[in-house]
Amino acid sequence: MKVRLVDVINRNGTVLHTYPITLSESSNVADDSEYQAKALEAAAQGRLVSDAELGTLTARMHADRGGQMAPYGDDLDRTSETRSSV
């Protein structure tokens, strides 16, 4: 299973959160749209915005900028909506 980072963006083009998305093994040939759909589901489950604003969210594959990761205007834990392994 490959983890891909997906940005969830509001109607103003601001990245609200970047989710690490892993698809199940059954998705042998997963394209970007499957990862993006899963990120939008996570945003809805995590109540990233109000229900009225959910339809305005979009997702895009995260562009790696290199360097040390540091939060930028994002107060959510980077692993929110991520299941912990037991």
N, C-alpha and C. Protein backbone atom coordinates (compact mmCIF):
# COMPACT_ATOMS: atom_id res chain seq x y z
N MET A 1 0.85 -1.18 0.00
CA MET A 1 0.00 0.00 0.00
C MET A 1 0.89 1.25 0.00
N LYS A 2 0.63 2.11 -0.94
CA LYS A 2 1.42 3.33 -1.07
C LYS A 2 0.68 4.50 -0.45
N VAL A 3 1.37 5.27 0.37
CA VAL A 3 0.80 6.46 0.98
C VAL A 3 1.08 7.64 0.06
N ARG A 4 0.02 8.40 -0.24
CA ARG A 4 0.17 9.61 -1.06
C ARG A 4 -0.43 10.76 -0.28
N LEU A 5 0.17 11.93 -0.41
CA LEU A 5 -0.33 13.12 0.26
C LEU A 5 -1.29 13.85 -0.67
N VAL A 6 -2.44 14.26 -0.10
CA VAL A 6 -3.46 14.95 -0.87
C VAL A 6 -3.87 16.22 -0.12
N ASP A 7 -3.84 17.35 -0.83
CA ASP A 7 -4.26 18.63 -0.26
C ASP A 7 -5.76 18.80 -0.44
N VAL A 8 -6.43 19.27 0.61
CA VAL A 8 -7.84 19.64 0.52
C VAL A 8 -7.88 21.17 0.54
N ILE A 9 -8.57 21.73 -0.47
CA ILE A 9 -8.51 23.16 -0.74
C ILE A 9 -9.91 23.77 -0.66
N ASN A 10 -10.01 24.97 -0.09
CA ASN A 10 -11.31 25.65 -0.03
C ASN A 10 -11.56 26.43 -1.31
N ARG A 11 -12.69 27.10 -1.39
CA ARG A 11 -13.07 27.82 -2.63
C ARG A 11 -12.15 28.98 -2.96
N ASN A 12 -11.38 29.46 -1.98
CA ASN A 12 -10.44 30.56 -2.20
C ASN A 12 -9.07 30.08 -2.67
N GLY A 13 -8.90 28.77 -2.77
CA GLY A 13 -7.62 28.22 -3.20
C GLY A 13 -6.63 28.00 -2.07
N THR A 14 -7.09 28.12 -0.84
CA THR A 14 -6.24 27.92 0.33
C THR A 14 -6.24 26.45 0.73
N VAL A 15 -5.05 25.90 0.93
CA VAL A 15 -4.95 24.52 1.41
C VAL A 15 -5.34 24.50 2.88
N LEU A 16 -6.40 23.73 3.18
CA LEU A 16 -6.88 23.65 4.56
C LEU A 16 -6.16 22.55 5.34
N HIS A 17 -5.87 21.45 4.66
CA HIS A 17 -5.21 20.33 5.33
C HIS A 17 -4.62 19.40 4.27
N THR A 18 -3.54 18.74 4.61
CA THR A 18 -2.93 17.74 3.74
C THR A 18 -3.07 16.39 4.43
N TYR A 19 -3.78 15.48 3.77
CA TYR A 19 -4.04 14.15 4.34
C TYR A 19 -3.10 13.12 3.73
N PRO A 20 -2.53 12.24 4.57
CA PRO A 20 -1.81 11.08 4.03
C PRO A 20 -2.85 10.00 3.72
N ILE A 21 -2.98 9.62 2.47
CA ILE A 21 -4.02 8.68 2.04
C ILE A 21 -3.38 7.37 1.59
N THR A 22 -3.93 6.28 2.12
CA THR A 22 -3.53 4.93 1.71
C THR A 22 -4.77 4.21 1.24
N LEU A 23 -4.72 3.63 0.06
CA LEU A 23 -5.84 2.85 -0.45
C LEU A 23 -5.60 1.38 -0.17
N SER A 24 -6.67 0.61 -0.10
CA SER A 24 -6.54 -0.82 0.19
C SER A 24 -5.85 -1.55 -0.95
N GLU A 25 -5.39 -2.74 -0.67
CA GLU A 25 -4.70 -3.56 -1.66
C GLU A 25 -5.60 -3.90 -2.85
N SER A 26 -6.91 -3.88 -2.65
CA SER A 26 -7.83 -4.25 -3.73
C SER A 26 -7.79 -3.23 -4.88
N SER A 27 -7.31 -2.03 -4.61
CA SER A 27 -7.17 -1.02 -5.66
C SER A 27 -5.80 -1.18 -6.31
N ASN A 28 -5.69 -2.13 -7.22
CA ASN A 28 -4.40 -2.42 -7.85
C ASN A 28 -3.86 -1.25 -8.65
N VAL A 29 -4.69 -0.63 -9.45
CA VAL A 29 -4.25 0.48 -10.28
C VAL A 29 -5.04 1.71 -9.87
N ALA A 30 -4.60 2.35 -8.81
CA ALA A 30 -5.30 3.53 -8.30
C ALA A 30 -4.78 4.77 -9.01
N ASP A 31 -5.71 5.57 -9.51
CA ASP A 31 -5.27 6.83 -10.09
C ASP A 31 -5.48 7.95 -9.07
N ASP A 32 -5.06 9.14 -9.43
CA ASP A 32 -5.12 10.26 -8.50
C ASP A 32 -6.54 10.54 -8.01
N SER A 33 -7.54 10.33 -8.84
CA SER A 33 -8.91 10.67 -8.46
C SER A 33 -9.38 9.83 -7.27
N GLU A 34 -8.92 8.60 -7.16
CA GLU A 34 -9.31 7.76 -6.01
C GLU A 34 -8.71 8.31 -4.71
N TYR A 35 -7.46 8.77 -4.77
CA TYR A 35 -6.83 9.37 -3.60
C TYR A 35 -7.53 10.68 -3.23
N GLN A 36 -7.87 11.48 -4.24
CA GLN A 36 -8.53 12.75 -3.99
C GLN A 36 -9.92 12.55 -3.38
N ALA A 37 -10.66 11.58 -3.88
CA ALA A 37 -11.98 11.29 -3.33
C ALA A 37 -11.88 10.86 -1.87
N LYS A 38 -10.89 10.05 -1.56
CA LYS A 38 -10.69 9.59 -0.18
C LYS A 38 -10.33 10.76 0.74
N ALA A 39 -9.54 11.70 0.24
CA ALA A 39 -9.18 12.88 1.05
C ALA A 39 -10.41 13.74 1.33
N LEU A 40 -11.29 13.87 0.35
CA LEU A 40 -12.51 14.65 0.57
C LEU A 40 -13.43 13.94 1.56
N GLU A 41 -13.45 12.61 1.53
CA GLU A 41 -14.21 11.85 2.52
C GLU A 41 -13.65 12.10 3.92
N ALA A 42 -12.32 12.10 4.03
CA ALA A 42 -11.68 12.34 5.33
C ALA A 42 -11.98 13.74 5.83
N ALA A 43 -12.03 14.71 4.92
CA ALA A 43 -12.34 16.09 5.31
C ALA A 43 -13.77 16.17 5.85
N ALA A 44 -14.69 15.44 5.22
CA ALA A 44 -16.08 15.43 5.69
C ALA A 44 -16.18 14.74 7.05
N GLN A 45 -15.53 13.59 7.19
CA GLN A 45 -15.56 12.86 8.46
C GLN A 45 -14.91 13.65 9.58
N GLY A 46 -13.84 14.36 9.25
CA GLY A 46 -13.11 15.13 10.26
C GLY A 46 -13.69 16.50 10.52
N ARG A 47 -14.82 16.81 9.84
CA ARG A 47 -15.49 18.11 10.01
C ARG A 47 -14.51 19.27 9.79
N LEU A 48 -13.77 19.18 8.68
CA LEU A 48 -12.80 20.22 8.35
C LEU A 48 -13.49 21.56 8.13
N VAL A 49 -14.68 21.53 7.54
CA VAL A 49 -15.51 22.72 7.34
C VAL A 49 -16.94 22.36 7.69
N SER A 50 -17.81 23.36 7.69
CA SER A 50 -19.22 23.08 7.98
C SER A 50 -19.83 22.27 6.84
N ASP A 51 -20.94 21.61 7.11
CA ASP A 51 -21.61 20.80 6.11
C ASP A 51 -21.98 21.61 4.87
N ALA A 52 -22.35 22.86 5.06
CA ALA A 52 -22.74 23.72 3.95
C ALA A 52 -21.57 24.00 3.00
N GLU A 53 -20.35 23.94 3.51
CA GLU A 53 -19.18 24.25 2.70
C GLU A 53 -18.52 23.02 2.07
N LEU A 54 -18.98 21.82 2.44
CA LEU A 54 -18.34 20.60 1.93
C LEU A 54 -18.31 20.54 0.41
N GLY A 55 -19.37 20.96 -0.23
CA GLY A 55 -19.44 20.91 -1.69
C GLY A 55 -18.48 21.85 -2.39
N THR A 56 -17.91 22.80 -1.65
CA THR A 56 -16.98 23.76 -2.26
C THR A 56 -15.53 23.30 -2.18
N LEU A 57 -15.28 22.23 -1.44
CA LEU A 57 -13.91 21.74 -1.29
C LEU A 57 -13.45 20.99 -2.54
N THR A 58 -12.17 21.12 -2.83
CA THR A 58 -11.56 20.35 -3.91
C THR A 58 -10.30 19.70 -3.35
N ALA A 59 -9.76 18.77 -4.11
CA ALA A 59 -8.55 18.09 -3.68
C ALA A 59 -7.57 18.04 -4.84
N ARG A 60 -6.29 18.05 -4.50
CA ARG A 60 -5.23 17.89 -5.51
C ARG A 60 -4.09 17.11 -4.86
N MET A 61 -3.32 16.48 -5.70
CA MET A 61 -2.17 15.75 -5.18
C MET A 61 -1.17 16.77 -4.65
N HIS A 62 -0.61 16.47 -3.51
CA HIS A 62 0.33 17.38 -2.85
C HIS A 62 1.63 17.46 -3.64
N ALA A 63 2.10 18.67 -3.85
CA ALA A 63 3.39 18.87 -4.53
C ALA A 63 4.47 18.99 -3.47
N ASP A 64 5.42 18.09 -3.51
CA ASP A 64 6.49 18.08 -2.53
C ASP A 64 7.36 19.31 -2.72
N ARG A 65 7.60 20.01 -1.63
CA ARG A 65 8.42 21.21 -1.70
C ARG A 65 9.82 20.99 -1.17
N GLY A 66 10.07 19.79 -0.65
CA GLY A 66 11.39 19.50 -0.10
C GLY A 66 11.60 20.17 1.25
N GLY A 67 12.64 19.81 1.92
CA GLY A 67 12.96 20.42 3.20
C GLY A 67 12.15 19.81 4.34
N GLN A 68 12.34 20.36 5.50
CA GLN A 68 11.67 19.87 6.70
C GLN A 68 10.20 20.22 6.66
N MET A 69 9.35 19.26 7.06
CA MET A 69 7.92 19.53 7.12
C MET A 69 7.60 20.37 8.34
N ALA A 70 6.82 21.40 8.13
CA ALA A 70 6.37 22.24 9.22
C ALA A 70 4.97 22.71 8.90
N PRO A 71 4.10 22.77 9.90
CA PRO A 71 2.74 23.22 9.64
C PRO A 71 2.72 24.67 9.19
N TYR A 72 1.79 24.95 8.29
CA TYR A 72 1.61 26.32 7.81
C TYR A 72 0.11 26.61 7.84
N GLY A 73 -0.33 27.30 8.87
CA GLY A 73 -1.73 27.64 8.98
C GLY A 73 -2.65 26.44 9.15
N ASP A 74 -2.14 25.36 9.69
CA ASP A 74 -2.90 24.12 9.82
C ASP A 74 -2.77 23.65 11.26
N ASP A 75 -3.86 23.72 12.01
CA ASP A 75 -3.78 23.34 13.41
C ASP A 75 -4.26 21.91 13.68
N LEU A 76 -4.56 21.15 12.61
CA LEU A 76 -4.98 19.77 12.79
C LEU A 76 -3.76 18.86 12.85
N ASP A 77 -3.86 17.82 13.63
CA ASP A 77 -2.80 16.84 13.68
C ASP A 77 -2.64 16.22 12.30
N ARG A 78 -1.42 16.03 11.85
CA ARG A 78 -1.19 15.51 10.49
C ARG A 78 -1.75 14.11 10.30
N THR A 79 -2.01 13.39 11.38
CA THR A 79 -2.56 12.05 11.27
C THR A 79 -4.04 12.00 11.61
N SER A 80 -4.71 13.14 11.61
CA SER A 80 -6.15 13.10 11.87
C SER A 80 -6.83 12.30 10.77
N GLU A 81 -7.80 11.54 11.14
CA GLU A 81 -8.51 10.65 10.22
C GLU A 81 -7.64 9.49 9.71
N THR A 82 -6.56 9.21 10.41
CA THR A 82 -5.69 8.09 10.06
C THR A 82 -5.83 7.03 11.14
N ARG A 83 -6.14 5.83 10.73
CA ARG A 83 -6.33 4.74 11.68
C ARG A 83 -4.97 4.30 12.24
N SER A 84 -4.90 4.15 13.53
CA SER A 84 -3.67 3.67 14.16
C SER A 84 -3.58 2.16 14.04
N SER A 85 -2.39 1.67 13.71
CA SER A 85 -2.22 0.22 13.66
C SER A 85 -2.07 -0.32 15.07
N VAL A 86 -2.56 -1.51 15.28
CA VAL A 86 -2.54 -2.10 16.63
C VAL A 86 -1.41 -3.07 16.75
